[in-house]
Amino acid sequence: MYDEGADAAGGPAPNIGAAVRKFNLEGLIPLILLVIIGVASLNYFGIVDVPYLPKGSERVQVLVIGTPSLGEKTSLDNLNYFLNWTSRDAASFGNAASETLQQYDIVMLDQSQSNDKSVSVALSDSLQKYVSKGGKLIIVMNSAIYSSVGFQGYTAADAIGWQATLGKLSPAYCGADHEGVPSCKEGNETNVLGRIWRQDYDHPIMQGIEVAPAVGDAPFRLTTLPVTADAGARTIAYIKSENTPQTYPAILEKKSFPMGTVIYFNYDPGFTQTILKNTIYYLK
């Protein structure tokens, strides 16, 4: 007579339940992958709409929050064969900002030429959610360094910088100088006669561009800020002054899990329309 709990050889009975669970899990993985690929394909061809996933049949939708420079407008207009772009003021967003942002593939935040460099708490939260869900954001210069509170035209000046307004989104860090003045504060802008040099040789944004403008051509007259790269940011390019040994970050990138991307321009990207075009292609 054999014990009911043993097999014919006298050993313990196999754990059938564990084997079945393992088989079920391994069998589900290909099915899950097929579902993901299927949904992505349906979204790509416009049969279903999944926010932040690219579509093959639709034009890229770009939203500029703030006032784009003339060079930015020209660059975006020259890309009208594959994108549509529009602009609106940050103050025009209400509590439904999240629903508005998810309609766009790329959001550019450029208040650098505006006296109002603030975003509401609702817009700030919506931008963070947008990027965390895979959205693509471009920040220009000292845009969104203040929070707007209460009523139009009033900003909270006790906390300055993206860490206060956008959390951990920004690739640039607005630190205080030796006098306690935040590096991104208005009035800290520096006029530089210089060029933009590639630092990351593998990045698509600087593809085919070693330096802009090319050595031998007249340098740019740029306005920039003495900011630094935030923790986790990637320096794509830097500004080098022609007359001094001073350098500044030019283009920074920061990834947001799982698919979000933020690019920071520490100058008017309208000066370098090829680089801006590369950035749009990279983000789309």
Protein backbone atom coordinates (compact mmCIF):
# COMPACT_ATOMS: atom_id res chain seq x y z
CA MET A 1 0.00 0.00 0.00
CA TYR A 2 1.28 3.46 -0.89
CA ASP A 3 0.60 6.59 1.12
CA GLU A 4 -1.98 8.81 -0.56
CA GLY A 5 0.35 11.82 -0.37
CA ALA A 6 3.24 10.13 -2.15
CA ASP A 7 3.89 9.11 -5.71
CA ALA A 8 4.65 5.59 -6.84
CA ALA A 9 8.32 6.00 -5.97
CA GLY A 10 7.52 7.05 -2.43
CA GLY A 11 8.41 10.77 -2.92
CA PRO A 12 6.11 13.73 -2.29
CA ALA A 13 3.29 14.40 -4.70
CA PRO A 14 4.08 17.11 -7.31
CA ASN A 15 2.74 20.62 -6.65
CA ILE A 16 0.18 20.66 -9.44
CA GLY A 17 -1.22 24.07 -8.42
CA ALA A 18 2.15 25.83 -8.72
CA ALA A 19 2.79 24.26 -12.11
CA VAL A 20 -0.62 25.37 -13.37
CA ARG A 21 -0.07 28.94 -12.11
CA LYS A 22 3.33 29.11 -13.80
CA PHE A 23 1.86 27.79 -17.04
CA ASN A 24 -0.97 30.29 -16.90
CA LEU A 25 1.41 33.22 -16.29
CA GLU A 26 3.76 32.24 -19.10
CA GLY A 27 0.81 31.71 -21.39
CA LEU A 28 -0.62 35.14 -20.58
CA ILE A 29 2.54 37.11 -21.44
CA PRO A 30 2.25 36.62 -25.24
CA LEU A 31 -1.46 37.41 -25.03
CA ILE A 32 -0.79 40.65 -23.11
CA LEU A 33 1.85 41.67 -25.67
CA LEU A 34 -0.59 40.98 -28.51
CA VAL A 35 -3.23 43.15 -26.82
CA ILE A 36 -0.74 46.02 -26.33
CA ILE A 37 0.42 45.80 -29.96
CA GLY A 38 -3.19 45.63 -31.12
CA VAL A 39 -4.26 48.71 -29.16
CA ALA A 40 -1.19 50.65 -30.33
CA SER A 41 -1.94 49.69 -33.95
CA LEU A 42 -5.59 50.71 -33.67
CA ASN A 43 -4.50 54.04 -32.14
CA TYR A 44 -1.85 54.56 -34.83
CA PHE A 45 -4.43 54.21 -37.60
CA GLY A 46 -7.00 56.36 -35.76
CA ILE A 47 -9.52 53.59 -35.05
CA VAL A 48 -9.32 54.23 -31.30
CA ASP A 49 -7.96 57.24 -29.40
CA VAL A 50 -5.34 56.61 -26.72
CA PRO A 51 -3.92 59.85 -25.25
CA TYR A 52 -0.16 60.46 -25.76
CA LEU A 53 0.32 57.52 -28.14
CA PRO A 54 1.48 58.59 -31.63
CA LYS A 55 -0.91 58.34 -34.58
CA GLY A 56 0.20 57.63 -38.10
CA SER A 57 -2.62 59.34 -39.94
CA GLU A 58 -2.93 62.55 -37.92
CA ARG A 59 -0.92 65.75 -37.93
CA VAL A 60 1.18 66.54 -34.88
CA GLN A 61 -0.64 68.96 -32.58
CA VAL A 62 1.56 71.59 -30.88
CA LEU A 63 0.41 74.04 -28.22
CA VAL A 64 2.49 77.10 -27.28
CA ILE A 65 1.63 78.48 -23.83
CA GLY A 66 2.82 82.07 -23.83
CA THR A 67 4.17 84.15 -26.71
CA PRO A 68 6.41 82.48 -29.31
CA SER A 69 9.25 84.54 -30.74
CA LEU A 70 9.33 85.49 -34.42
CA GLY A 71 11.93 82.79 -35.06
CA GLU A 72 9.81 80.17 -33.30
CA LYS A 73 6.75 81.17 -35.33
CA THR A 74 8.74 80.93 -38.55
CA SER A 75 10.10 77.52 -37.64
CA LEU A 76 6.68 76.15 -36.68
CA ASP A 77 5.08 77.64 -39.80
CA ASN A 78 7.75 75.97 -41.96
CA LEU A 79 6.71 72.61 -40.46
CA ASN A 80 3.05 73.06 -41.42
CA TYR A 81 3.28 70.07 -43.77
CA PHE A 82 3.00 67.75 -40.77
CA LEU A 83 1.92 69.80 -37.74
CA ASN A 84 -0.69 72.25 -36.56
CA TRP A 85 0.19 74.74 -33.86
CA THR A 86 -1.69 77.25 -31.78
CA SER A 87 -0.85 79.53 -28.88
CA ARG A 88 -2.72 80.77 -25.84
CA ASP A 89 -1.96 82.63 -22.64
CA ALA A 90 -1.32 80.71 -19.42
CA ALA A 91 -3.98 82.77 -17.64
CA SER A 92 -6.64 81.42 -20.03
CA PHE A 93 -6.49 77.91 -18.56
CA GLY A 94 -9.07 76.94 -15.97
CA ASN A 95 -9.54 73.89 -13.81
CA ALA A 96 -10.03 71.67 -16.88
CA ALA A 97 -6.46 72.25 -18.09
CA SER A 98 -5.65 68.52 -18.03
CA GLU A 99 -8.36 67.76 -20.59
CA THR A 100 -7.03 70.53 -22.82
CA LEU A 101 -3.39 69.47 -22.65
CA GLN A 102 -4.05 65.85 -23.53
CA GLN A 103 -5.28 66.99 -26.95
CA TYR A 104 -1.71 67.99 -27.86
CA ASP A 105 1.34 65.89 -28.75
CA ILE A 106 3.82 68.62 -27.75
CA VAL A 107 3.43 71.59 -25.40
CA MET A 108 5.88 74.50 -25.54
CA LEU A 109 5.97 76.78 -22.51
CA ASP A 110 7.47 80.11 -23.59
CA GLN A 111 6.77 83.19 -21.48
CA SER A 112 10.31 84.49 -21.92
CA GLN A 113 9.13 87.59 -23.78
CA SER A 114 6.20 88.24 -21.45
CA ASN A 115 6.11 90.26 -18.25
CA ASP A 116 3.96 87.54 -16.69
CA LYS A 117 6.03 84.41 -16.09
CA SER A 118 3.51 82.64 -13.89
CA VAL A 119 1.27 79.58 -14.12
CA SER A 120 -1.72 78.77 -11.95
CA VAL A 121 -1.67 75.87 -9.52
CA ALA A 122 -4.21 74.09 -11.72
CA LEU A 123 -2.06 74.49 -14.85
CA SER A 124 1.07 73.49 -12.94
CA ASP A 125 -0.56 70.28 -11.72
CA SER A 126 -1.94 69.59 -15.19
CA LEU A 127 1.49 69.98 -16.82
CA GLN A 128 2.99 67.55 -14.33
CA LYS A 129 0.22 65.01 -15.00
CA TYR A 130 0.59 65.55 -18.76
CA VAL A 131 4.29 64.68 -18.70
CA SER A 132 3.87 61.81 -16.23
CA LYS A 133 1.43 60.20 -18.71
CA GLY A 134 3.87 60.46 -21.60
CA GLY A 135 3.45 64.07 -22.71
CA LYS A 136 6.27 66.05 -24.37
CA LEU A 137 7.08 69.48 -22.94
CA ILE A 138 9.48 72.24 -24.03
CA ILE A 139 10.37 74.97 -21.51
CA VAL A 140 12.03 78.16 -22.76
CA MET A 141 14.22 80.38 -20.56
CA ASN A 142 12.51 81.56 -17.33
CA SER A 143 8.95 80.61 -18.25
CA ALA A 144 6.70 79.48 -15.37
CA ILE A 145 9.01 80.55 -12.55
CA TYR A 146 6.12 81.95 -10.49
CA SER A 147 2.76 80.68 -9.29
CA SER A 148 -0.21 82.90 -10.01
CA VAL A 149 -2.64 83.11 -7.11
CA GLY A 150 -6.02 84.63 -6.39
CA PHE A 151 -6.61 87.11 -9.13
CA GLN A 152 -5.14 88.15 -12.46
CA GLY A 153 -1.87 90.03 -12.35
CA TYR A 154 -0.84 88.81 -8.89
CA THR A 155 1.90 86.26 -8.36
CA ALA A 156 3.32 84.56 -5.30
CA ALA A 157 6.87 85.87 -5.09
CA ASP A 158 7.99 83.92 -2.02
CA ALA A 159 9.00 80.87 -4.07
CA ILE A 160 10.76 81.36 -7.39
CA GLY A 161 11.75 78.63 -9.82
CA TRP A 162 10.51 75.47 -11.47
CA GLN A 163 11.01 73.33 -8.40
CA ALA A 164 8.30 75.45 -6.76
CA THR A 165 5.95 75.56 -9.75
CA LEU A 166 6.58 72.38 -11.76
CA GLY A 167 7.93 70.00 -9.15
CA LYS A 168 10.63 67.75 -10.59
CA LEU A 169 9.77 68.36 -14.25
CA SER A 170 12.36 70.94 -15.29
CA PRO A 171 15.80 69.84 -16.50
CA ALA A 172 17.14 73.22 -15.32
CA TYR A 173 17.77 74.17 -11.69
CA CYS A 174 17.09 77.68 -10.42
CA GLY A 175 19.56 78.02 -7.58
CA ALA A 176 20.39 81.09 -5.51
CA ASP A 177 23.60 83.02 -6.04
CA HIS A 178 25.90 84.26 -3.26
CA GLU A 179 23.46 87.10 -2.56
CA GLY A 180 20.47 84.76 -2.42
CA VAL A 181 19.02 85.84 -5.77
CA PRO A 182 17.49 82.93 -7.77
CA SER A 183 19.44 82.36 -10.99
CA CYS A 184 16.26 82.28 -13.13
CA LYS A 185 14.78 85.53 -11.73
CA GLU A 186 14.06 88.36 -14.16
CA GLY A 187 16.99 90.72 -14.28
CA ASN A 188 19.49 87.87 -14.11
CA GLU A 189 19.48 87.45 -17.88
CA THR A 190 22.89 87.76 -19.51
CA ASN A 191 23.57 88.94 -23.06
CA VAL A 192 26.16 86.71 -24.65
CA LEU A 193 28.00 86.99 -27.94
CA GLY A 194 28.60 83.34 -28.60
CA ARG A 195 27.83 79.99 -30.21
CA ILE A 196 25.94 76.84 -29.31
CA TRP A 197 28.19 73.78 -29.17
CA ARG A 198 27.09 70.17 -29.21
CA GLN A 199 27.94 68.24 -26.04
CA ASP A 200 25.97 65.02 -26.52
CA TYR A 201 27.24 63.57 -29.80
CA ASP A 202 24.57 60.86 -29.94
CA HIS A 203 21.49 63.02 -29.44
CA PRO A 204 19.12 63.47 -32.42
CA ILE A 205 18.45 67.12 -31.53
CA MET A 206 22.02 68.05 -32.54
CA GLN A 207 22.19 65.67 -35.50
CA GLY A 208 24.53 67.11 -38.13
CA ILE A 209 25.30 70.18 -36.01
CA GLU A 210 28.66 70.56 -34.31
CA VAL A 211 28.36 74.28 -33.58
CA ALA A 212 25.80 76.96 -34.44
CA PRO A 213 26.53 79.24 -36.11
CA ALA A 214 29.54 77.66 -37.81
CA VAL A 215 32.95 79.01 -36.88
CA GLY A 216 33.79 81.75 -39.35
CA ASP A 217 30.25 83.09 -39.38
CA ALA A 218 29.16 85.90 -37.07
CA PRO A 219 28.22 84.57 -33.59
CA PHE A 220 24.74 84.92 -32.13
CA ARG A 221 23.77 87.68 -29.71
CA LEU A 222 21.92 85.52 -27.21
CA THR A 223 20.07 86.21 -23.99
CA THR A 224 20.60 83.41 -21.49
CA LEU A 225 20.41 82.62 -17.77
CA PRO A 226 23.05 81.41 -15.28
CA VAL A 227 21.05 78.26 -14.47
CA THR A 228 22.49 74.79 -13.96
CA ALA A 229 21.40 71.30 -14.96
CA ASP A 230 19.05 69.66 -12.46
CA ALA A 231 19.76 66.23 -11.03
CA GLY A 232 18.99 63.59 -13.63
CA ALA A 233 19.15 66.04 -16.55
CA ARG A 234 21.14 65.41 -19.70
CA THR A 235 23.12 68.27 -21.26
CA ILE A 236 22.65 68.19 -25.01
CA ALA A 237 24.40 71.48 -25.90
CA TYR A 238 26.03 74.46 -24.23
CA ILE A 239 26.58 78.15 -24.98
CA LYS A 240 30.19 79.36 -25.13
CA SER A 241 30.93 83.06 -25.04
CA GLU A 242 33.27 84.40 -27.71
CA ASN A 243 34.83 87.07 -25.49
CA THR A 244 35.10 85.29 -22.13
CA PRO A 245 35.67 81.70 -20.96
CA GLN A 246 32.10 81.63 -19.61
CA THR A 247 29.76 78.80 -20.62
CA TYR A 248 26.05 78.22 -19.97
CA PRO A 249 23.73 75.25 -20.49
CA ALA A 250 21.97 75.64 -23.84
CA ILE A 251 19.72 72.59 -24.20
CA LEU A 252 18.86 70.15 -21.41
CA GLU A 253 16.68 67.06 -21.34
CA LYS A 254 14.96 65.17 -18.54
CA LYS A 255 12.93 61.99 -18.84
CA SER A 256 9.83 61.37 -16.75
CA PHE A 257 8.76 57.78 -16.09
CA PRO A 258 7.46 56.03 -18.07
CA MET A 259 7.48 57.96 -21.38
CA GLY A 260 7.39 61.70 -20.66
CA THR A 261 10.13 64.03 -21.93
CA VAL A 262 10.99 67.63 -21.03
CA ILE A 263 13.42 69.74 -23.10
CA TYR A 264 14.76 73.03 -21.74
CA PHE A 265 16.12 75.83 -23.97
CA ASN A 266 18.25 78.42 -22.19
CA TYR A 267 17.92 80.82 -25.14
CA ASP A 268 15.35 81.69 -27.78
CA PRO A 269 15.19 78.52 -29.93
CA GLY A 270 14.07 80.70 -32.82
CA PHE A 271 17.77 81.53 -33.32
CA THR A 272 18.45 77.90 -34.25
CA GLN A 273 15.53 76.82 -36.41
CA THR A 274 17.18 73.57 -37.52
CA ILE A 275 17.73 72.58 -33.90
CA LEU A 276 14.12 73.46 -33.08
CA LYS A 277 12.95 71.39 -36.07
CA ASN A 278 15.09 68.47 -34.85
CA THR A 279 13.55 68.85 -31.40
CA ILE A 280 10.01 68.67 -32.78
CA TYR A 281 10.92 65.58 -34.84
CA TYR A 282 12.56 64.00 -31.79
CA LEU A 283 9.56 64.60 -29.55
CA LYS A 284 6.83 63.68 -32.03
